[in-house]
Amino acid sequence: MYSINIIYLLLLVAVGWYWLNSIRVLELARAAGRAACAKEGVQFLDDTVASIKLGIARNDYGHRVLRRVYRFEFTETGNSRIEGKVVMLGEQVESVTMDPYQLQEVFDDSE
């Protein structure tokens, strides 16, 4: 009887840890996406990232950690939504990629 209660308690602790860790990594991914957009001079849309993939990978030290992939959207002109991705390895940013985009120049026809 007591062993079942301990198992339930350990399961509850594991779920709580995963939930809190997921929130922390989500915030780190959002900051990485926002920073990448600021660096490129484009607008980070909706101030959010969305989780699209979860897996297990090894970090630089050979430890197994969660690899999470998040997607975000940005715009260069305000007329389109372009996708970017943030890959998190544990609590470290592994990569940030942004789909190709083209800044449109405004030309003055009066010249």
PDB file of N, CA and C in Angstrom:
ATOM      1  N   MET A   1       0.819  -1.198   0.000  1.00  0.00           N
ATOM      2  CA  MET A   1       0.000   0.000   0.000  1.00  0.00           C
ATOM      3  C   MET A   1       0.863   1.262   0.000  1.00  0.00           C
ATOM      4  N   TYR A   2       1.882   1.289   0.872  1.00  0.00           N
ATOM      5  CA  TYR A   2       2.742   2.470   0.951  1.00  0.00           C
ATOM      6  C   TYR A   2       3.599   2.625  -0.300  1.00  0.00           C
ATOM      7  N   SER A   3       4.004   1.494  -0.876  1.00  0.00           N
ATOM      8  CA  SER A   3       4.852   1.572  -2.061  1.00  0.00           C
ATOM      9  C   SER A   3       4.091   2.179  -3.248  1.00  0.00           C
ATOM     10  N   ILE A   4       2.810   1.928  -3.362  1.00  0.00           N
ATOM     11  CA  ILE A   4       2.001   2.521  -4.429  1.00  0.00           C
ATOM     12  C   ILE A   4       1.883   4.023  -4.222  1.00  0.00           C
ATOM     13  N   ASN A   5       1.716   4.459  -2.980  1.00  0.00           N
ATOM     14  CA  ASN A   5       1.649   5.894  -2.690  1.00  0.00           C
ATOM     15  C   ASN A   5       2.975   6.585  -3.018  1.00  0.00           C
ATOM     16  N   ILE A   6       4.079   5.924  -2.740  1.00  0.00           N
ATOM     17  CA  ILE A   6       5.391   6.497  -3.057  1.00  0.00           C
ATOM     18  C   ILE A   6       5.571   6.605  -4.564  1.00  0.00           C
ATOM     19  N   ILE A   7       5.128   5.600  -5.291  1.00  0.00           N
ATOM     20  CA  ILE A   7       5.216   5.638  -6.756  1.00  0.00           C
ATOM     21  C   ILE A   7       4.386   6.795  -7.301  1.00  0.00           C
ATOM     22  N   TYR A   8       3.160   6.964  -6.785  1.00  0.00           N
ATOM     23  CA  TYR A   8       2.319   8.082  -7.209  1.00  0.00           C
ATOM     24  C   TYR A   8       2.966   9.421  -6.880  1.00  0.00           C
ATOM     25  N   LEU A   9       3.568   9.525  -5.721  1.00  0.00           N
ATOM     26  CA  LEU A   9       4.232  10.759  -5.312  1.00  0.00           C
ATOM     27  C   LEU A   9       5.425  11.062  -6.225  1.00  0.00           C
ATOM     28  N   LEU A  10       6.231  10.048  -6.533  1.00  0.00           N
ATOM     29  CA  LEU A  10       7.369  10.241  -7.428  1.00  0.00           C
ATOM     30  C   LEU A  10       6.913  10.634  -8.830  1.00  0.00           C
ATOM     31  N   LEU A  11       5.841  10.037  -9.286  1.00  0.00           N
ATOM     32  CA  LEU A  11       5.284  10.383 -10.592  1.00  0.00           C
ATOM     33  C   LEU A  11       4.807  11.836 -10.607  1.00  0.00           C
ATOM     34  N   LEU A  12       4.153  12.250  -9.542  1.00  0.00           N
ATOM     35  CA  LEU A  12       3.682  13.630  -9.424  1.00  0.00           C
ATOM     36  C   LEU A  12       4.855  14.608  -9.418  1.00  0.00           C
ATOM     37  N   VAL A  13       5.920  14.275  -8.702  1.00  0.00           N
ATOM     38  CA  VAL A  13       7.114  15.122  -8.663  1.00  0.00           C
ATOM     39  C   VAL A  13       7.746  15.207 -10.054  1.00  0.00           C
ATOM     40  N   ALA A  14       7.828  14.094 -10.771  1.00  0.00           N
ATOM     41  CA  ALA A  14       8.415  14.082 -12.113  1.00  0.00           C
ATOM     42  C   ALA A  14       7.593  14.939 -13.077  1.00  0.00           C
ATOM     43  N   VAL A  15       6.284  14.848 -13.014  1.00  0.00           N
ATOM     44  CA  VAL A  15       5.419  15.654 -13.881  1.00  0.00           C
ATOM     45  C   VAL A  15       5.573  17.137 -13.535  1.00  0.00           C
ATOM     46  N   GLY A  16       5.642  17.459 -12.254  1.00  0.00           N
ATOM     47  CA  GLY A  16       5.841  18.847 -11.825  1.00  0.00           C
ATOM     48  C   GLY A  16       7.166  19.399 -12.303  1.00  0.00           C
ATOM     49  N   TRP A  17       8.239  18.594 -12.185  1.00  0.00           N
ATOM     50  CA  TRP A  17       9.543  19.037 -12.662  1.00  0.00           C
ATOM     51  C   TRP A  17       9.500  19.288 -14.160  1.00  0.00           C
ATOM     52  N   TYR A  18       8.926  18.375 -14.931  1.00  0.00           N
ATOM     53  CA  TYR A  18       8.857  18.526 -16.381  1.00  0.00           C
ATOM     54  C   TYR A  18       8.099  19.796 -16.758  1.00  0.00           C
ATOM     55  N   TRP A  19       7.004  20.059 -16.086  1.00  0.00           N
ATOM     56  CA  TRP A  19       6.181  21.235 -16.388  1.00  0.00           C
ATOM     57  C   TRP A  19       6.959  22.520 -16.111  1.00  0.00           C
ATOM     58  N   LEU A  20       7.583  22.617 -14.947  1.00  0.00           N
ATOM     59  CA  LEU A  20       8.360  23.815 -14.608  1.00  0.00           C
ATOM     60  C   LEU A  20       9.558  23.990 -15.538  1.00  0.00           C
ATOM     61  N   ASN A  21      10.246  22.904 -15.871  1.00  0.00           N
ATOM     62  CA  ASN A  21      11.382  22.969 -16.772  1.00  0.00           C
ATOM     63  C   ASN A  21      10.936  23.395 -18.169  1.00  0.00           C
ATOM     64  N   SER A  22       9.785  22.910 -18.612  1.00  0.00           N
ATOM     65  CA  SER A  22       9.266  23.274 -19.924  1.00  0.00           C
ATOM     66  C   SER A  22       8.958  24.761 -20.009  1.00  0.00           C
ATOM     67  N   ILE A  23       8.432  25.331 -18.943  1.00  0.00           N
ATOM     68  CA  ILE A  23       8.145  26.767 -18.923  1.00  0.00           C
ATOM     69  C   ILE A  23       9.447  27.559 -19.008  1.00  0.00           C
ATOM     70  N   ARG A  24      10.468  27.132 -18.261  1.00  0.00           N
ATOM     71  CA  ARG A  24      11.759  27.828 -18.290  1.00  0.00           C
ATOM     72  C   ARG A  24      12.377  27.768 -19.693  1.00  0.00           C
ATOM     73  N   VAL A  25      12.388  26.606 -20.313  1.00  0.00           N
ATOM     74  CA  VAL A  25      12.981  26.451 -21.644  1.00  0.00           C
ATOM     75  C   VAL A  25      12.177  27.232 -22.681  1.00  0.00           C
ATOM     76  N   LEU A  26      10.862  27.273 -22.539  1.00  0.00           N
ATOM     77  CA  LEU A  26      10.017  28.056 -23.437  1.00  0.00           C
ATOM     78  C   LEU A  26      10.405  29.532 -23.373  1.00  0.00           C
ATOM     79  N   GLU A  27      10.627  30.062 -22.176  1.00  0.00           N
ATOM     80  CA  GLU A  27      11.035  31.458 -22.026  1.00  0.00           C
ATOM     81  C   GLU A  27      12.397  31.710 -22.654  1.00  0.00           C
ATOM     82  N   LEU A  28      13.324  30.766 -22.494  1.00  0.00           N
ATOM     83  CA  LEU A  28      14.642  30.905 -23.109  1.00  0.00           C
ATOM     84  C   LEU A  28      14.544  30.885 -24.636  1.00  0.00           C
ATOM     85  N   ALA A  29      13.688  30.030 -25.170  1.00  0.00           N
ATOM     86  CA  ALA A  29      13.491  29.948 -26.622  1.00  0.00           C
ATOM     87  C   ALA A  29      12.854  31.233 -27.145  1.00  0.00           C
ATOM     88  N   ARG A  30      11.908  31.767 -26.410  1.00  0.00           N
ATOM     89  CA  ARG A  30      11.272  33.025 -26.820  1.00  0.00           C
ATOM     90  C   ARG A  30      12.300  34.158 -26.860  1.00  0.00           C
ATOM     91  N   ALA A  31      13.155  34.220 -25.850  1.00  0.00           N
ATOM     92  CA  ALA A  31      14.198  35.243 -25.818  1.00  0.00           C
ATOM     93  C   ALA A  31      15.172  35.074 -26.982  1.00  0.00           C
ATOM     94  N   ALA A  32      15.499  33.838 -27.333  1.00  0.00           N
ATOM     95  CA  ALA A  32      16.408  33.583 -28.455  1.00  0.00           C
ATOM     96  C   ALA A  32      15.770  34.013 -29.771  1.00  0.00           C
ATOM     97  N   GLY A  33      14.503  33.720 -29.967  1.00  0.00           N
ATOM     98  CA  GLY A  33      13.801  34.136 -31.182  1.00  0.00           C
ATOM     99  C   GLY A  33      13.700  35.650 -31.277  1.00  0.00           C
ATOM    100  N   ARG A  34      13.378  36.292 -30.162  1.00  0.00           N
ATOM    101  CA  ARG A  34      13.281  37.745 -30.135  1.00  0.00           C
ATOM    102  C   ARG A  34      14.638  38.387 -30.443  1.00  0.00           C
ATOM    103  N   ALA A  35      15.710  37.835 -29.864  1.00  0.00           N
ATOM    104  CA  ALA A  35      17.057  38.368 -30.098  1.00  0.00           C
ATOM    105  C   ALA A  35      17.482  38.191 -31.553  1.00  0.00           C
ATOM    106  N   ALA A  36      17.172  37.052 -32.154  1.00  0.00           N
ATOM    107  CA  ALA A  36      17.519  36.813 -33.560  1.00  0.00           C
ATOM    108  C   ALA A  36      16.795  37.804 -34.464  1.00  0.00           C
ATOM    109  N   CYS A  37      15.527  38.066 -34.170  1.00  0.00           N
ATOM    110  CA  CYS A  37      14.764  39.028 -34.970  1.00  0.00           C
ATOM    111  C   CYS A  37      15.326  40.440 -34.806  1.00  0.00           C
ATOM    112  N   ALA A  38      15.680  40.811 -33.586  1.00  0.00           N
ATOM    113  CA  ALA A  38      16.253  42.133 -33.361  1.00  0.00           C
ATOM    114  C   ALA A  38      17.578  42.284 -34.108  1.00  0.00           C
ATOM    115  N   LYS A  39      18.382  41.243 -34.090  1.00  0.00           N
ATOM    116  CA  LYS A  39      19.675  41.271 -34.782  1.00  0.00           C
ATOM    117  C   LYS A  39      19.497  41.444 -36.286  1.00  0.00           C
ATOM    118  N   GLU A  40      18.468  40.817 -36.854  1.00  0.00           N
ATOM    119  CA  GLU A  40      18.214  40.889 -38.293  1.00  0.00           C
ATOM    120  C   GLU A  40      17.382  42.102 -38.692  1.00  0.00           C
ATOM    121  N   GLY A  41      16.858  42.822 -37.709  1.00  0.00           N
ATOM    122  CA  GLY A  41      16.065  44.011 -38.016  1.00  0.00           C
ATOM    123  C   GLY A  41      14.671  43.708 -38.513  1.00  0.00           C
ATOM    124  N   VAL A  42      14.103  42.593 -38.065  1.00  0.00           N
ATOM    125  CA  VAL A  42      12.732  42.229 -38.440  1.00  0.00           C
ATOM    126  C   VAL A  42      11.877  42.191 -37.182  1.00  0.00           C
ATOM    127  N   GLN A  43      10.569  42.134 -37.364  1.00  0.00           N
ATOM    128  CA  GLN A  43       9.640  42.165 -36.238  1.00  0.00           C
ATOM    129  C   GLN A  43       9.270  40.746 -35.801  1.00  0.00           C
ATOM    130  N   PHE A  44       9.484  40.461 -34.522  1.00  0.00           N
ATOM    131  CA  PHE A  44       9.095  39.188 -33.899  1.00  0.00           C
ATOM    132  C   PHE A  44       7.602  39.258 -33.642  1.00  0.00           C
ATOM    133  N   LEU A  45       6.825  38.376 -34.267  1.00  0.00           N
ATOM    134  CA  LEU A  45       5.365  38.458 -34.182  1.00  0.00           C
ATOM    135  C   LEU A  45       4.802  37.683 -32.998  1.00  0.00           C
ATOM    136  N   ASP A  46       3.736  38.180 -32.447  1.00  0.00           N
ATOM    137  CA  ASP A  46       2.939  37.534 -31.403  1.00  0.00           C
ATOM    138  C   ASP A  46       3.684  37.324 -30.089  1.00  0.00           C
ATOM    139  N   ASP A  47       4.953  37.725 -30.007  1.00  0.00           N
ATOM    140  CA  ASP A  47       5.770  37.583 -28.799  1.00  0.00           C
ATOM    141  C   ASP A  47       5.681  36.178 -28.202  1.00  0.00           C
ATOM    142  N   THR A  48       5.709  35.169 -29.067  1.00  0.00           N
ATOM    143  CA  THR A  48       5.591  33.800 -28.574  1.00  0.00           C
ATOM    144  C   THR A  48       6.297  32.810 -29.497  1.00  0.00           C
ATOM    145  N   VAL A  49       6.580  31.650 -28.943  1.00  0.00           N
ATOM    146  CA  VAL A  49       7.076  30.509 -29.699  1.00  0.00           C
ATOM    147  C   VAL A  49       6.156  29.331 -29.395  1.00  0.00           C
ATOM    148  N   ALA A  50       6.090  28.377 -30.311  1.00  0.00           N
ATOM    149  CA  ALA A  50       5.226  27.209 -30.131  1.00  0.00           C
ATOM    150  C   ALA A  50       6.057  25.942 -30.263  1.00  0.00           C
ATOM    151  N   SER A  51       5.870  25.025 -29.352  1.00  0.00           N
ATOM    152  CA  SER A  51       6.596  23.763 -29.374  1.00  0.00           C
ATOM    153  C   SER A  51       6.085  22.897 -30.515  1.00  0.00           C
ATOM    154  N   ILE A  52       7.034  22.367 -31.331  1.00  0.00           N
ATOM    155  CA  ILE A  52       6.613  21.515 -32.445  1.00  0.00           C
ATOM    156  C   ILE A  52       7.265  20.140 -32.409  1.00  0.00           C
ATOM    157  N   LYS A  53       8.307  19.962 -31.603  1.00  0.00           N
ATOM    158  CA  LYS A  53       8.972  18.663 -31.574  1.00  0.00           C
ATOM    159  C   LYS A  53       9.694  18.485 -30.251  1.00  0.00           C
ATOM    160  N   LEU A  54       9.719  17.246 -29.772  1.00  0.00           N
ATOM    161  CA  LEU A  54      10.386  16.904 -28.516  1.00  0.00           C
ATOM    162  C   LEU A  54      11.089  15.575 -28.700  1.00  0.00           C
ATOM    163  N   GLY A  55      12.337  15.522 -28.276  1.00  0.00           N
ATOM    164  CA  GLY A  55      13.097  14.284 -28.397  1.00  0.00           C
ATOM    165  C   GLY A  55      14.224  14.255 -27.380  1.00  0.00           C
ATOM    166  N   ILE A  56      14.998  13.190 -27.414  1.00  0.00           N
ATOM    167  CA  ILE A  56      16.146  13.044 -26.519  1.00  0.00           C
ATOM    168  C   ILE A  56      17.413  13.068 -27.372  1.00  0.00           C
ATOM    169  N   ALA A  57      18.403  13.819 -26.905  1.00  0.00           N
ATOM    170  CA  ALA A  57      19.680  13.928 -27.612  1.00  0.00           C
ATOM    171  C   ALA A  57      20.794  14.024 -26.579  1.00  0.00           C
ATOM    172  N   ARG A  58      22.023  13.940 -27.043  1.00  0.00           N
ATOM    173  CA  ARG A  58      23.176  14.079 -26.150  1.00  0.00           C
ATOM    174  C   ARG A  58      23.761  15.479 -26.295  1.00  0.00           C
ATOM    175  N   ASN A  59      24.125  16.068 -25.161  1.00  0.00           N
ATOM    176  CA  ASN A  59      24.755  17.387 -25.194  1.00  0.00           C
ATOM    177  C   ASN A  59      26.260  17.233 -25.411  1.00  0.00           C
ATOM    178  N   ASP A  60      27.008  18.326 -25.310  1.00  0.00           N
ATOM    179  CA  ASP A  60      28.457  18.307 -25.548  1.00  0.00           C
ATOM    180  C   ASP A  60      29.208  17.417 -24.567  1.00  0.00           C
ATOM    181  N   TYR A  61      28.627  17.175 -23.407  1.00  0.00           N
ATOM    182  CA  TYR A  61      29.268  16.343 -22.383  1.00  0.00           C
ATOM    183  C   TYR A  61      28.837  14.882 -22.455  1.00  0.00           C
ATOM    184  N   GLY A  62      27.974  14.554 -23.410  1.00  0.00           N
ATOM    185  CA  GLY A  62      27.519  13.183 -23.573  1.00  0.00           C
ATOM    186  C   GLY A  62      26.308  12.819 -22.720  1.00  0.00           C
ATOM    187  N   HIS A  63      25.760  13.789 -22.005  1.00  0.00           N
ATOM    188  CA  HIS A  63      24.575  13.525 -21.181  1.00  0.00           C
ATOM    189  C   HIS A  63      23.318  13.568 -22.037  1.00  0.00           C
ATOM    190  N   ARG A  64      22.380  12.715 -21.705  1.00  0.00           N
ATOM    191  CA  ARG A  64      21.096  12.732 -22.408  1.00  0.00           C
ATOM    192  C   ARG A  64      20.252  13.877 -21.859  1.00  0.00           C
ATOM    193  N   VAL A  65      19.768  14.706 -22.773  1.00  0.00           N
ATOM    194  CA  VAL A  65      18.913  15.833 -22.410  1.00  0.00           C
ATOM    195  C   VAL A  65      17.769  15.911 -23.414  1.00  0.00           C
ATOM    196  N   LEU A  66      16.774  16.700 -23.075  1.00  0.00           N
ATOM    197  CA  LEU A  66      15.649  16.895 -23.988  1.00  0.00           C
ATOM    198  C   LEU A  66      16.028  17.896 -25.067  1.00  0.00           C
ATOM    199  N   ARG A  67      15.731  17.555 -26.318  1.00  0.00           N
ATOM    200  CA  ARG A  67      15.875  18.500 -27.427  1.00  0.00           C
ATOM    201  C   ARG A  67      14.467  18.925 -27.815  1.00  0.00           C
ATOM    202  N   ARG A  68      14.244  20.218 -27.707  1.00  0.00           N
ATOM    203  CA  ARG A  68      12.928  20.772 -28.028  1.00  0.00           C
ATOM    204  C   ARG A  68      13.079  21.711 -29.220  1.00  0.00           C
ATOM    205  N   VAL A  69      12.125  21.645 -30.134  1.00  0.00           N
ATOM    206  CA  VAL A  69      12.117  22.541 -31.286  1.00  0.00           C
ATOM    207  C   VAL A  69      10.875  23.414 -31.169  1.00  0.00           C
ATOM    208  N   TYR A  70      11.098  24.724 -31.287  1.00  0.00           N
ATOM    209  CA  TYR A  70      10.016  25.703 -31.218  1.00  0.00           C
ATOM    210  C   TYR A  70       9.977  26.475 -32.527  1.00  0.00           C
ATOM    211  N   ARG A  71       8.787  26.887 -32.937  1.00  0.00           N
ATOM    212  CA  ARG A  71       8.652  27.722 -34.115  1.00  0.00           C
ATOM    213  C   ARG A  71       8.131  29.086 -33.701  1.00  0.00           C
ATOM    214  N   PHE A  72       8.518  30.078 -34.461  1.00  0.00           N
ATOM    215  CA  PHE A  72       8.025  31.436 -34.242  1.00  0.00           C
ATOM    216  C   PHE A  72       7.813  32.082 -35.597  1.00  0.00           C
ATOM    217  N   GLU A  73       7.145  33.208 -35.599  1.00  0.00           N
ATOM    218  CA  GLU A  73       6.905  33.918 -36.847  1.00  0.00           C
ATOM    219  C   GLU A  73       7.461  35.329 -36.744  1.00  0.00           C
ATOM    220  N   PHE A  74       7.921  35.825 -37.892  1.00  0.00           N
ATOM    221  CA  PHE A  74       8.429  37.188 -37.959  1.00  0.00           C
ATOM    222  C   PHE A  74       8.003  37.797 -39.278  1.00  0.00           C
ATOM    223  N   THR A  75       8.148  39.101 -39.393  1.00  0.00           N
ATOM    224  CA  THR A  75       7.825  39.789 -40.633  1.00  0.00           C
ATOM    225  C   THR A  75       8.866  40.856 -40.896  1.00  0.00           C
ATOM    226  N   GLU A  76       9.154  41.054 -42.169  1.00  0.00           N
ATOM    227  CA  GLU A  76      10.094  42.109 -42.532  1.00  0.00           C
ATOM    228  C   GLU A  76       9.370  43.366 -42.992  1.00  0.00           C
ATOM    229  N   THR A  77       8.140  43.219 -43.489  1.00  0.00           N
ATOM    230  CA  THR A  77       7.397  44.373 -44.008  1.00  0.00           C
ATOM    231  C   THR A  77       6.073  44.602 -43.296  1.00  0.00           C
ATOM    232  N   GLY A  78       5.617  43.652 -42.546  1.00  0.00           N
ATOM    233  CA  GLY A  78       4.302  43.755 -41.912  1.00  0.00           C
ATOM    234  C   GLY A  78       3.212  43.121 -42.748  1.00  0.00           C
ATOM    235  N   ASN A  79       3.528  42.716 -43.967  1.00  0.00           N
ATOM    236  CA  ASN A  79       2.523  42.131 -44.865  1.00  0.00           C
ATOM    237  C   ASN A  79       2.583  40.618 -44.934  1.00  0.00           C
ATOM    238  N   SER A  80       3.613  40.013 -44.385  1.00  0.00           N
ATOM    239  CA  SER A  80       3.754  38.564 -44.496  1.00  0.00           C
ATOM    240  C   SER A  80       4.210  37.983 -43.163  1.00  0.00           C
ATOM    241  N   ARG A  81       3.960  36.699 -43.001  1.00  0.00           N
ATOM    242  CA  ARG A  81       4.407  35.984 -41.816  1.00  0.00           C
ATOM    243  C   ARG A  81       5.399  34.919 -42.274  1.00  0.00           C
ATOM    244  N   ILE A  82       6.607  34.998 -41.744  1.00  0.00           N
ATOM    245  CA  ILE A  82       7.664  34.080 -42.143  1.00  0.00           C
ATOM    246  C   ILE A  82       8.065  33.281 -40.912  1.00  0.00           C
ATOM    247  N   GLU A  83       8.391  32.018 -41.109  1.00  0.00           N
ATOM    248  CA  GLU A  83       8.659  31.115 -39.982  1.00  0.00           C
ATOM    249  C   GLU A  83      10.140  31.047 -39.633  1.00  0.00           C
ATOM    250  N   GLY A  84      10.381  30.938 -38.348  1.00  0.00           N
ATOM    251  CA  GLY A  84      11.710  30.682 -37.830  1.00  0.00           C
ATOM    252  C   GLY A  84      11.632  29.546 -36.830  1.00  0.00           C
ATOM    253  N   LYS A  85      12.778  28.959 -36.493  1.00  0.00           N
ATOM    254  CA  LYS A  85      12.808  27.851 -35.535  1.00  0.00           C
ATOM    255  C   LYS A  85      13.931  28.062 -34.537  1.00  0.00           C
ATOM    256  N   VAL A  86      13.662  27.687 -33.300  1.00  0.00           N
ATOM    257  CA  VAL A  86      14.665  27.687 -32.237  1.00  0.00           C
ATOM    258  C   VAL A  86      14.781  26.244 -31.761  1.00  0.00           C
ATOM    259  N   VAL A  87      16.002  25.711 -31.742  1.00  0.00           N
ATOM    260  CA  VAL A  87      16.246  24.363 -31.236  1.00  0.00           C
ATOM    261  C   VAL A  87      16.957  24.503 -29.905  1.00  0.00           C
ATOM    262  N   MET A  88      16.364  23.934 -28.870  1.00  0.00           N
ATOM    263  CA  MET A  88      16.920  23.976 -27.526  1.00  0.00           C
ATOM    264  C   MET A  88      17.431  22.586 -27.158  1.00  0.00           C
ATOM    265  N   LEU A  89      18.660  22.512 -26.690  1.00  0.00           N
ATOM    266  CA  LEU A  89      19.256  21.270 -26.223  1.00  0.00           C
ATOM    267  C   LEU A  89      19.417  21.421 -24.717  1.00  0.00           C
ATOM    268  N   GLY A  90      18.518  20.796 -23.987  1.00  0.00           N
ATOM    269  CA  GLY A  90      18.462  21.047 -22.548  1.00  0.00           C
ATOM    270  C   GLY A  90      17.992  22.474 -22.349  1.00  0.00           C
ATOM    271  N   GLU A  91      18.780  23.264 -21.622  1.00  0.00           N
ATOM    272  CA  GLU A  91      18.453  24.679 -21.420  1.00  0.00           C
ATOM    273  C   GLU A  91      19.367  25.589 -22.234  1.00  0.00           C
ATOM    274  N   GLN A  92      20.041  25.031 -23.227  1.00  0.00           N
ATOM    275  CA  GLN A  92      20.948  25.794 -24.081  1.00  0.00           C
ATOM    276  C   GLN A  92      20.362  25.925 -25.487  1.00  0.00           C
ATOM    277  N   VAL A  93      20.568  27.084 -26.086  1.00  0.00           N
ATOM    278  CA  VAL A  93      20.130  27.288 -27.468  1.00  0.00           C
ATOM    279  C   VAL A  93      21.108  26.557 -28.382  1.00  0.00           C
ATOM    280  N   GLU A  94      20.596  25.592 -29.128  1.00  0.00           N
ATOM    281  CA  GLU A  94      21.435  24.862 -30.076  1.00  0.00           C
ATOM    282  C   GLU A  94      21.525  25.620 -31.405  1.00  0.00           C
ATOM    283  N   SER A  95      20.379  26.113 -31.882  1.00  0.00           N
ATOM    284  CA  SER A  95      20.387  26.877 -33.126  1.00  0.00           C
ATOM    285  C   SER A  95      19.116  27.702 -33.255  1.00  0.00           C
ATOM    286  N   VAL A  96      19.228  28.768 -34.043  1.00  0.00           N
ATOM    287  CA  VAL A  96      18.079  29.586 -34.433  1.00  0.00           C
ATOM    288  C   VAL A  96      18.165  29.730 -35.944  1.00  0.00           C
ATOM    289  N   THR A  97      17.116  29.339 -36.641  1.00  0.00           N
ATOM    290  CA  THR A  97      17.077  29.476 -38.097  1.00  0.00           C
ATOM    291  C   THR A  97      15.847  30.271 -38.489  1.00  0.00           C
ATOM    292  N   MET A  98      16.003  31.019 -39.568  1.00  0.00           N
ATOM    293  CA  MET A  98      14.896  31.829 -40.071  1.00  0.00           C
ATOM    294  C   MET A  98      14.759  31.553 -41.564  1.00  0.00           C
ATOM    295  N   ASP A  99      13.516  31.326 -42.006  1.00  0.00           N
ATOM    296  CA  ASP A  99      13.285  31.123 -43.436  1.00  0.00           C
ATOM    297  C   ASP A  99      13.771  32.349 -44.194  1.00  0.00           C
ATOM    298  N   PRO A 100      14.194  32.157 -45.435  1.00  0.00           N
ATOM    299  CA  PRO A 100      14.679  33.300 -46.222  1.00  0.00           C
ATOM    300  C   PRO A 100      13.587  34.350 -46.401  1.00  0.00           C
ATOM    301  N   TYR A 101      14.009  35.584 -46.414  1.00  0.00           N
ATOM    302  CA  TYR A 101      13.087  36.688 -46.622  1.00  0.00           C
ATOM    303  C   TYR A 101      13.844  37.767 -47.384  1.00  0.00           C
ATOM    304  N   GLN A 102      13.087  38.695 -47.950  1.00  0.00           N
ATOM    305  CA  GLN A 102      13.714  39.765 -48.712  1.00  0.00           C
ATOM    306  C   GLN A 102      13.152  41.085 -48.228  1.00  0.00           C
ATOM    307  N   LEU A 103      14.036  41.962 -47.822  1.00  0.00           N
ATOM    308  CA  LEU A 103      13.603  43.298 -47.434  1.00  0.00           C
ATOM    309  C   LEU A 103      13.238  44.063 -48.698  1.00  0.00           C
ATOM    310  N   GLN A 104      12.066  44.667 -48.686  1.00  0.00           N
ATOM    311  CA  GLN A 104      11.629  45.422 -49.853  1.00  0.00           C
ATOM    312  C   GLN A 104      12.060  46.869 -49.695  1.00  0.00           C
ATOM    313  N   GLU A 105      12.638  47.424 -50.744  1.00  0.00           N
ATOM    314  CA  GLU A 105      13.053  48.815 -50.732  1.00  0.00           C
ATOM    315  C   GLU A 105      11.949  49.662 -51.346  1.00  0.00           C
ATOM    316  N   VAL A 106      11.812  50.861 -50.846  1.00  0.00           N
ATOM    317  CA  VAL A 106      10.837  51.790 -51.387  1.00  0.00           C
ATOM    318  C   VAL A 106      11.571  52.698 -52.364  1.00  0.00           C
ATOM    319  N   PHE A 107      11.100  52.720 -53.599  1.00  0.00           N
ATOM    320  CA  PHE A 107      11.724  53.545 -54.627  1.00  0.00           C
ATOM    321  C   PHE A 107      10.846  54.745 -54.913  1.00  0.00           C
ATOM    322  N   ASP A 108      11.471  55.875 -55.089  1.00  0.00           N
ATOM    323  CA  ASP A 108      10.765  57.109 -55.397  1.00  0.00           C
ATOM    324  C   ASP A 108      10.756  57.281 -56.913  1.00  0.00           C
ATOM    325  N   ASP A 109       9.555  57.288 -57.533  1.00  0.00           N
ATOM    326  CA  ASP A 109       9.422  57.396 -58.989  1.00  0.00           C
ATOM    327  C   ASP A 109       9.642  58.814 -59.505  1.00  0.00           C
ATOM    328  N   SER A 110       9.734  59.782 -58.630  1.00  0.00           N
ATOM    329  CA  SER A 110       9.838  61.177 -59.066  1.00  0.00           C
ATOM    330  C   SER A 110      11.225  61.525 -59.591  1.00  0.00           C
ATOM    331  N   GLU A 111      12.203  60.643 -59.398  1.00  0.00           N
ATOM    332  CA  GLU A 111      13.563  60.960 -59.853  1.00  0.00           C
ATOM    333  C   GLU A 111      13.735  60.728 -61.314  1.00  0.00           C
TER     334      GLU A 111
END
